[in-house]
Amino acid sequence: MHPAELLALFDRLLREEARPDGPGVLVERCGGVVRRTAAAPEWSGILWSGLDEAGADAAIARQIGHFGALGLEFEWKLYGHDRPADLGRRLRAAGFTPGPEETLMIGEISGLALDTEPPPGVRVVPVTDAKGAGLVADVHERVFGTDGSGLRRQLLDRLAGDTDTVVAVVALAGGEPVSAARMELVPGTPFAGLWGGGTVEGWRGRGIYRALVAHRARAAAARGYDYVQVDASGQSRPILERLGLLPLTSTTPYLWTP
């Protein structure tokens, strides 16, 4: 599929036509945007927008009013091809704080290089219980320096509910967790999202991250999915390009806090 067609398919299925993906999650289209509302610590935010210069500021104000009334922080997930072209500036003027820019990358699984295995002495273990979720949270805290308790709770909720929508793995060196990642499957679409991949300092540069990407992509293919998508940092983008994923556009999180 041509990159422009692939991006259009992603926009339509995962953004504009997004559906609720968990208990208590509300996805609705209103005022030229599609938003996801969920109780904290679940993610709330704007998935898609189709705005013009005349109506953008009013649409932003309506979303601030919606989430502010609920006392929820939310993220406006802005993609490089979203319009109007100055939407990022408008969000900053409305009180949003931009996070690091990343690259949306998508790969057709059948064309990816997935023969990568972890280095000697490291094994990839599926996460199926509270102990495994704790290991994922531990890696998250060591890699990103942020509290992993919310991730642990969310992962446990998903594992206890619809296990067909999430795959989590941890890489162990002996008994030590040195890397972890998860994959979120979107039923009714050909897309599986790769999230949270990180390797602790001292174990980077050995191919563990690449092996976890390959592991999850193979798992997605086994479940009938055609594509994997990643919001890639500058550090992970070269690895993903070598595996065969294509950079399609930029993505920047704009966070609003009540």
Protein backbone atom coordinates (compact mmCIF):
# COMPACT_ATOMS: atom_id res chain seq x y z
CA MET A 1 0.00 0.00 0.00
CA HIS A 2 1.25 3.49 -0.87
CA PRO A 3 2.33 5.46 2.25
CA ALA A 4 -0.35 8.12 1.69
CA GLU A 5 -3.04 5.44 1.45
CA LEU A 6 -1.69 3.74 4.56
CA LEU A 7 -1.79 6.99 6.52
CA ALA A 8 -5.35 7.64 5.33
CA LEU A 9 -6.38 4.15 6.48
CA PHE A 10 -4.77 4.74 9.88
CA ASP A 11 -6.52 8.10 10.23
CA ARG A 12 -9.91 6.64 9.37
CA LEU A 13 -9.85 3.41 11.39
CA LEU A 14 -7.85 4.35 14.49
CA ARG A 15 -8.70 8.03 14.79
CA GLU A 16 -11.88 9.19 13.07
CA GLU A 17 -13.80 5.91 13.55
CA ALA A 18 -12.27 4.99 16.93
CA ARG A 19 -14.46 2.89 19.20
CA PRO A 20 -14.54 2.42 23.00
CA ASP A 21 -11.78 0.03 24.03
CA GLY A 22 -12.52 -0.68 27.66
CA PRO A 23 -15.14 -0.57 30.41
CA GLY A 24 -16.27 2.94 31.23
CA VAL A 25 -14.55 4.44 28.17
CA LEU A 26 -16.58 6.95 26.13
CA VAL A 27 -15.60 7.79 22.55
CA GLU A 28 -17.67 10.47 20.88
CA ARG A 29 -17.54 12.86 17.96
CA CYS A 30 -18.47 16.44 18.74
CA GLY A 31 -17.58 19.80 17.31
CA GLY A 32 -15.18 18.51 14.66
CA VAL A 33 -13.18 16.27 17.00
CA VAL A 34 -13.25 12.67 18.21
CA ARG A 35 -12.45 12.42 21.90
CA ARG A 36 -11.87 9.61 24.38
CA THR A 37 -13.03 10.15 27.94
CA ALA A 38 -12.03 7.76 30.71
CA ALA A 39 -11.58 7.91 34.46
CA ALA A 40 -8.03 8.52 35.69
CA PRO A 41 -5.48 7.00 35.45
CA GLU A 42 -6.79 5.85 32.03
CA TRP A 43 -5.85 8.07 29.07
CA SER A 44 -8.26 10.79 28.00
CA GLY A 45 -7.76 12.95 24.97
CA ILE A 46 -8.42 13.98 21.39
CA LEU A 47 -7.93 11.20 18.88
CA TRP A 48 -8.85 13.04 15.67
CA SER A 49 -9.82 16.49 14.54
CA GLY A 50 -11.13 17.96 11.30
CA LEU A 51 -10.95 21.69 11.96
CA ASP A 52 -10.52 24.85 9.95
CA GLU A 53 -9.06 28.23 10.88
CA ALA A 54 -12.46 29.74 11.58
CA GLY A 55 -13.61 27.13 14.08
CA ALA A 56 -10.43 25.76 15.64
CA ASP A 57 -10.22 28.04 18.69
CA ALA A 58 -13.85 27.45 19.61
CA ALA A 59 -13.39 23.69 19.26
CA ILE A 60 -10.36 23.80 21.55
CA ALA A 61 -12.32 25.79 24.12
CA ARG A 62 -15.18 23.26 24.04
CA GLN A 63 -12.81 20.37 24.77
CA ILE A 64 -11.20 22.26 27.65
CA GLY A 65 -14.68 22.87 29.02
CA HIS A 66 -15.61 19.19 28.71
CA PHE A 67 -12.55 17.74 30.41
CA GLY A 68 -12.19 20.63 32.85
CA ALA A 69 -15.70 20.04 34.15
CA LEU A 70 -14.70 16.44 34.87
CA GLY A 71 -11.44 17.46 36.54
CA LEU A 72 -9.43 15.42 34.03
CA GLU A 73 -6.17 16.22 32.36
CA PHE A 74 -6.22 15.31 28.68
CA GLU A 75 -3.95 15.07 25.69
CA TRP A 76 -4.56 16.52 22.26
CA LYS A 77 -2.64 14.12 20.06
CA LEU A 78 -1.53 16.31 17.17
CA TYR A 79 -0.25 14.79 13.93
CA GLY A 80 1.92 16.63 11.46
CA HIS A 81 -0.72 16.61 8.71
CA ASP A 82 -3.60 17.82 10.92
CA ARG A 83 -5.23 21.12 10.03
CA PRO A 84 -5.21 24.01 10.42
CA ALA A 85 -1.45 24.23 9.98
CA ASP A 86 -1.08 26.40 13.09
CA LEU A 87 -3.09 24.10 15.38
CA GLY A 88 -0.05 23.54 17.60
CA ARG A 89 0.32 27.28 18.16
CA ARG A 90 -3.37 27.55 18.99
CA LEU A 91 -3.11 24.73 21.53
CA ARG A 92 -0.14 26.38 23.24
CA ALA A 93 -2.06 29.67 23.40
CA ALA A 94 -4.95 27.82 25.07
CA GLY A 95 -2.68 26.52 27.83
CA PHE A 96 -1.51 23.16 26.48
CA THR A 97 2.07 22.00 27.05
CA PRO A 98 3.70 20.15 24.13
CA GLY A 99 5.69 16.99 24.76
CA PRO A 100 8.52 15.58 22.66
CA GLU A 101 7.78 15.16 18.98
CA GLU A 102 7.81 11.57 17.74
CA THR A 103 7.34 9.85 14.39
CA LEU A 104 4.33 7.76 13.45
CA MET A 105 5.73 4.62 11.84
CA ILE A 106 3.73 1.77 10.32
CA GLY A 107 4.92 -1.51 8.87
CA GLU A 108 3.14 -4.26 6.96
CA ILE A 109 4.03 -7.31 9.02
CA SER A 110 4.51 -9.61 6.04
CA GLY A 111 7.32 -7.36 4.79
CA LEU A 112 9.19 -6.85 8.07
CA ALA A 113 12.48 -8.45 9.10
CA LEU A 114 11.28 -10.50 12.06
CA ASP A 115 13.97 -13.16 12.41
CA THR A 116 15.59 -11.25 15.31
CA GLU A 117 16.03 -13.11 18.59
CA PRO A 118 17.23 -11.79 21.96
CA PRO A 119 20.96 -11.97 22.72
CA PRO A 120 22.41 -14.98 24.56
CA GLY A 121 21.37 -15.12 28.19
CA VAL A 122 18.21 -13.09 27.66
CA ARG A 123 14.76 -14.64 27.29
CA VAL A 124 11.42 -13.05 26.42
CA VAL A 125 8.59 -14.01 28.77
CA PRO A 126 4.88 -13.28 28.21
CA VAL A 127 3.11 -11.34 30.95
CA THR A 128 0.00 -13.13 32.22
CA ASP A 129 -0.36 -12.25 35.91
CA ALA A 130 0.30 -9.70 38.64
CA LYS A 131 3.94 -10.71 39.00
CA GLY A 132 4.59 -10.09 35.31
CA ALA A 133 2.72 -6.77 35.39
CA GLY A 134 4.93 -5.76 38.31
CA LEU A 135 8.05 -6.54 36.30
CA VAL A 136 6.80 -4.38 33.41
CA ALA A 137 6.13 -1.51 35.82
CA ASP A 138 9.59 -1.95 37.36
CA VAL A 139 11.28 -1.67 33.96
CA HIS A 140 9.11 1.35 33.10
CA GLU A 141 10.23 3.18 36.25
CA ARG A 142 13.90 2.38 35.69
CA VAL A 143 13.84 3.38 32.02
CA PHE A 144 11.57 6.44 32.04
CA GLY A 145 11.97 7.62 35.63
CA THR A 146 8.23 7.88 36.20
CA ASP A 147 5.80 6.11 38.51
CA GLY A 148 4.77 2.76 37.03
CA SER A 149 1.89 2.02 39.41
CA GLY A 150 -0.74 3.32 36.99
CA LEU A 151 0.67 1.20 34.16
CA ARG A 152 0.61 -1.84 36.44
CA ARG A 153 -3.06 -1.29 37.32
CA GLN A 154 -4.06 -0.70 33.70
CA LEU A 155 -2.22 -3.81 32.55
CA LEU A 156 -3.81 -5.93 35.27
CA ASP A 157 -7.26 -4.65 34.33
CA ARG A 158 -6.68 -5.53 30.68
CA LEU A 159 -5.28 -8.97 31.51
CA ALA A 160 -8.26 -9.68 33.76
CA GLY A 161 -10.74 -8.54 31.13
CA ASP A 162 -10.31 -8.78 27.37
CA THR A 163 -6.97 -10.51 26.95
CA ASP A 164 -7.40 -10.50 23.17
CA THR A 165 -6.61 -6.78 23.08
CA VAL A 166 -3.25 -6.67 24.85
CA VAL A 167 0.07 -8.52 24.73
CA ALA A 168 2.81 -7.65 27.21
CA VAL A 169 6.30 -9.10 27.42
CA VAL A 170 9.35 -8.73 29.62
CA ALA A 171 12.96 -9.62 28.80
CA LEU A 172 14.81 -11.36 31.62
CA ALA A 173 18.56 -11.71 32.05
CA GLY A 174 18.65 -14.50 34.58
CA GLY A 175 15.88 -13.34 36.88
CA GLU A 176 16.44 -9.62 36.31
CA PRO A 177 13.94 -7.69 34.16
CA VAL A 178 15.99 -5.65 31.69
CA SER A 179 13.41 -4.66 29.05
CA ALA A 180 9.64 -4.67 28.63
CA ALA A 181 6.97 -3.67 26.16
CA ARG A 182 3.31 -4.12 25.35
CA MET A 183 1.10 -4.33 22.26
CA GLU A 184 -2.47 -3.10 22.03
CA LEU A 185 -4.62 -4.85 19.44
CA VAL A 186 -7.55 -2.99 17.87
CA PRO A 187 -10.33 -5.47 16.99
CA GLY A 188 -12.08 -4.80 13.71
CA THR A 189 -9.00 -3.14 12.22
CA PRO A 190 -5.77 -4.50 10.70
CA PHE A 191 -3.64 -2.50 13.17
CA ALA A 192 -1.70 -3.48 16.29
CA GLY A 193 0.01 -0.71 18.27
CA LEU A 194 3.43 -1.20 19.85
CA TRP A 195 3.84 0.79 23.08
CA GLY A 196 6.11 1.27 26.05
CA GLY A 197 9.22 -0.45 24.73
CA GLY A 198 12.25 0.36 26.86
CA THR A 199 15.52 -1.21 27.96
CA VAL A 200 17.35 -0.36 31.16
CA GLU A 201 20.73 1.33 30.99
CA GLY A 202 23.57 -1.15 30.76
CA TRP A 203 21.58 -3.50 28.51
CA ARG A 204 21.00 -1.16 25.60
CA GLY A 205 22.65 -1.66 22.25
CA ARG A 206 22.43 -5.46 22.41
CA GLY A 207 19.36 -5.93 20.21
CA ILE A 208 16.81 -6.49 22.99
CA TYR A 209 14.46 -3.71 21.87
CA ARG A 210 14.59 -4.98 18.30
CA ALA A 211 13.84 -8.52 19.50
CA LEU A 212 10.79 -7.32 21.46
CA VAL A 213 9.45 -5.50 18.39
CA ALA A 214 9.88 -8.65 16.30
CA HIS A 215 8.28 -10.80 19.01
CA ARG A 216 5.19 -8.61 19.20
CA ALA A 217 4.88 -8.29 15.42
CA ARG A 218 4.92 -12.09 15.09
CA ALA A 219 2.25 -12.29 17.82
CA ALA A 220 0.11 -9.75 15.93
CA ALA A 221 0.42 -11.73 12.69
CA ALA A 222 -0.59 -14.92 14.49
CA ARG A 223 -3.76 -13.13 15.59
CA GLY A 224 -4.60 -12.02 12.04
CA TYR A 225 -3.32 -8.43 12.08
CA ASP A 226 -1.62 -6.96 9.02
CA TYR A 227 0.14 -3.84 10.34
CA VAL A 228 2.04 -2.65 13.39
CA GLN A 229 2.25 1.04 14.27
CA VAL A 230 4.59 2.87 16.62
CA ASP A 231 5.03 6.39 17.91
CA ALA A 232 8.81 6.29 17.58
CA SER A 233 11.34 8.39 19.46
CA GLY A 234 14.46 9.58 17.72
CA GLN A 235 16.35 6.75 19.42
CA SER A 236 14.04 3.97 18.26
CA ARG A 237 13.27 5.25 14.76
CA PRO A 238 16.51 3.95 13.13
CA ILE A 239 15.93 0.50 14.64
CA LEU A 240 12.37 0.39 13.36
CA GLU A 241 13.41 1.57 9.91
CA ARG A 242 15.90 -1.29 9.70
CA LEU A 243 13.08 -3.68 10.55
CA GLY A 244 11.06 -2.24 7.67
CA LEU A 245 8.61 0.22 9.26
CA LEU A 246 7.87 3.41 7.32
CA PRO A 247 7.89 6.93 8.81
CA LEU A 248 4.60 8.57 7.79
CA THR A 249 4.16 11.76 9.82
CA SER A 250 5.08 13.41 13.09
CA THR A 251 3.03 13.18 16.27
CA THR A 252 3.21 15.50 19.28
CA PRO A 253 1.31 15.18 22.57
CA TYR A 254 -0.19 18.44 23.83
CA LEU A 255 -1.20 18.10 27.49
CA TRP A 256 -3.79 20.20 29.29
CA THR A 257 -4.00 19.98 33.08
CA PRO A 258 -6.90 21.41 35.13
